[in-house]
Amino acid sequence: MSDLPASPQPTPPLPQGDRRRNPRLRELVDEMMATIRAASHRDLWSPEERASCEADMARIMDSVRSHALGGPAARAKLD
């Protein structure tokens, strides 16, 4: 038997003005949105960092593919 309800219960809409009742939460959301806006207008990684991360990702994905396909022998059959 499952402990989860059959279907999620929708949350009732909040009355107008309730979303700003918690000033600390509102401040946190405003800070997060300001950070996202600032980050969207600049590159957060240097070209060297980006190249290093892309090389790491390629190496990781090669390993994942190799394991998923049963190792180098299985991978060679597809090449």
C-alpha atoms as a PDB file:
ATOM      1  CA  MET A   1       0.000   0.000   0.000  1.00  0.00           C
ATOM      2  CA  SER A   2       1.226   3.504  -0.784  1.00  0.00           C
ATOM      3  CA  ASP A   3       1.481   6.259   1.795  1.00  0.00           C
ATOM      4  CA  LEU A   4       0.967   8.897  -0.880  1.00  0.00           C
ATOM      5  CA  PRO A   5      -2.447  10.437  -1.554  1.00  0.00           C
ATOM      6  CA  ALA A   6      -4.204   9.371  -4.758  1.00  0.00           C
ATOM      7  CA  SER A   7      -3.827  12.821  -6.289  1.00  0.00           C
ATOM      8  CA  PRO A   8      -2.156  16.019  -5.112  1.00  0.00           C
ATOM      9  CA  GLN A   9      -4.474  18.509  -3.530  1.00  0.00           C
ATOM     10  CA  PRO A  10      -4.410  21.911  -5.243  1.00  0.00           C
ATOM     11  CA  THR A  11      -3.434  24.799  -3.039  1.00  0.00           C
ATOM     12  CA  PRO A  12      -6.146  27.381  -2.676  1.00  0.00           C
ATOM     13  CA  PRO A  13      -5.241  30.817  -4.035  1.00  0.00           C
ATOM     14  CA  LEU A  14      -4.057  33.282  -1.422  1.00  0.00           C
ATOM     15  CA  PRO A  15      -6.173  36.353  -0.778  1.00  0.00           C
ATOM     16  CA  GLN A  16      -4.782  39.521  -2.355  1.00  0.00           C
ATOM     17  CA  GLY A  17      -1.867  40.936  -0.362  1.00  0.00           C
ATOM     18  CA  ASP A  18      -1.012  37.702   1.528  1.00  0.00           C
ATOM     19  CA  ARG A  19       2.098  37.026  -0.508  1.00  0.00           C
ATOM     20  CA  ARG A  20       3.844  39.970   1.117  1.00  0.00           C
ATOM     21  CA  ARG A  21       2.959  39.194   4.729  1.00  0.00           C
ATOM     22  CA  ASN A  22       6.345  37.664   5.439  1.00  0.00           C
ATOM     23  CA  PRO A  23       8.790  40.527   4.866  1.00  0.00           C
ATOM     24  CA  ARG A  24      11.869  38.315   5.378  1.00  0.00           C
ATOM     25  CA  LEU A  25      10.688  35.899   2.699  1.00  0.00           C
ATOM     26  CA  ARG A  26       9.921  38.783   0.343  1.00  0.00           C
ATOM     27  CA  GLU A  27      13.397  40.213   0.994  1.00  0.00           C
ATOM     28  CA  LEU A  28      14.983  36.836   0.256  1.00  0.00           C
ATOM     29  CA  VAL A  29      13.045  36.459  -3.015  1.00  0.00           C
ATOM     30  CA  ASP A  30      13.951  40.012  -4.059  1.00  0.00           C
ATOM     31  CA  GLU A  31      17.627  39.316  -3.334  1.00  0.00           C
ATOM     32  CA  MET A  32      17.528  36.077  -5.303  1.00  0.00           C
ATOM     33  CA  MET A  33      15.861  37.776  -8.287  1.00  0.00           C
ATOM     34  CA  ALA A  34      18.424  40.609  -8.233  1.00  0.00           C
ATOM     35  CA  THR A  35      21.244  38.049  -8.246  1.00  0.00           C
ATOM     36  CA  ILE A  36      19.702  36.197 -11.188  1.00  0.00           C
ATOM     37  CA  ARG A  37      19.235  39.424 -13.143  1.00  0.00           C
ATOM     38  CA  ALA A  38      22.830  40.510 -12.484  1.00  0.00           C
ATOM     39  CA  ALA A  39      24.221  37.105 -13.470  1.00  0.00           C
ATOM     40  CA  SER A  40      22.224  36.965 -16.688  1.00  0.00           C
ATOM     41  CA  HIS A  41      24.105  39.928 -18.137  1.00  0.00           C
ATOM     42  CA  ARG A  42      27.642  38.629 -17.685  1.00  0.00           C
ATOM     43  CA  ASP A  43      29.681  35.525 -18.229  1.00  0.00           C
ATOM     44  CA  LEU A  44      30.381  33.952 -14.853  1.00  0.00           C
ATOM     45  CA  TRP A  45      33.208  31.727 -16.139  1.00  0.00           C
ATOM     46  CA  SER A  46      36.463  32.731 -17.749  1.00  0.00           C
ATOM     47  CA  PRO A  47      37.195  31.148 -21.139  1.00  0.00           C
ATOM     48  CA  GLU A  48      39.749  28.873 -19.440  1.00  0.00           C
ATOM     49  CA  GLU A  49      37.238  27.731 -16.795  1.00  0.00           C
ATOM     50  CA  ARG A  50      34.620  27.062 -19.458  1.00  0.00           C
ATOM     51  CA  ALA A  51      37.062  25.035 -21.592  1.00  0.00           C
ATOM     52  CA  SER A  52      38.143  23.029 -18.551  1.00  0.00           C
ATOM     53  CA  CYS A  53      34.542  22.296 -17.551  1.00  0.00           C
ATOM     54  CA  GLU A  54      33.595  21.323 -21.101  1.00  0.00           C
ATOM     55  CA  ALA A  55      36.578  18.944 -21.271  1.00  0.00           C
ATOM     56  CA  ASP A  56      35.573  17.442 -17.908  1.00  0.00           C
ATOM     57  CA  MET A  57      31.993  17.010 -19.130  1.00  0.00           C
ATOM     58  CA  ALA A  58      33.145  15.317 -22.353  1.00  0.00           C
ATOM     59  CA  ARG A  59      35.348  12.916 -20.357  1.00  0.00           C
ATOM     60  CA  ILE A  60      32.515  12.151 -17.918  1.00  0.00           C
ATOM     61  CA  MET A  61      30.010  11.560 -20.731  1.00  0.00           C
ATOM     62  CA  ASP A  62      32.439   9.234 -22.551  1.00  0.00           C
ATOM     63  CA  SER A  63      32.724   7.204 -19.364  1.00  0.00           C
ATOM     64  CA  VAL A  64      28.935   7.155 -18.874  1.00  0.00           C
ATOM     65  CA  ARG A  65      28.364   6.032 -22.476  1.00  0.00           C
ATOM     66  CA  SER A  66      31.029   3.363 -22.180  1.00  0.00           C
ATOM     67  CA  HIS A  67      29.481   1.931 -19.024  1.00  0.00           C
ATOM     68  CA  ALA A  68      25.945   2.191 -20.405  1.00  0.00           C
ATOM     69  CA  LEU A  69      26.895   0.287 -23.549  1.00  0.00           C
ATOM     70  CA  GLY A  70      28.781  -2.460 -21.746  1.00  0.00           C
ATOM     71  CA  GLY A  71      32.337  -1.200 -21.929  1.00  0.00           C
ATOM     72  CA  PRO A  72      34.789  -0.471 -24.733  1.00  0.00           C
ATOM     73  CA  ALA A  73      34.035  -3.681 -26.689  1.00  0.00           C
ATOM     74  CA  ALA A  74      30.326  -2.849 -26.952  1.00  0.00           C
ATOM     75  CA  ARG A  75      31.126   0.743 -27.808  1.00  0.00           C
ATOM     76  CA  ALA A  76      33.536  -0.283 -30.599  1.00  0.00           C
ATOM     77  CA  LYS A  77      30.729  -2.249 -32.271  1.00  0.00           C
ATOM     78  CA  LEU A  78      28.713   0.960 -32.651  1.00  0.00           C
ATOM     79  CA  ASP A  79      31.566   3.037 -34.089  1.00  0.00           C
END
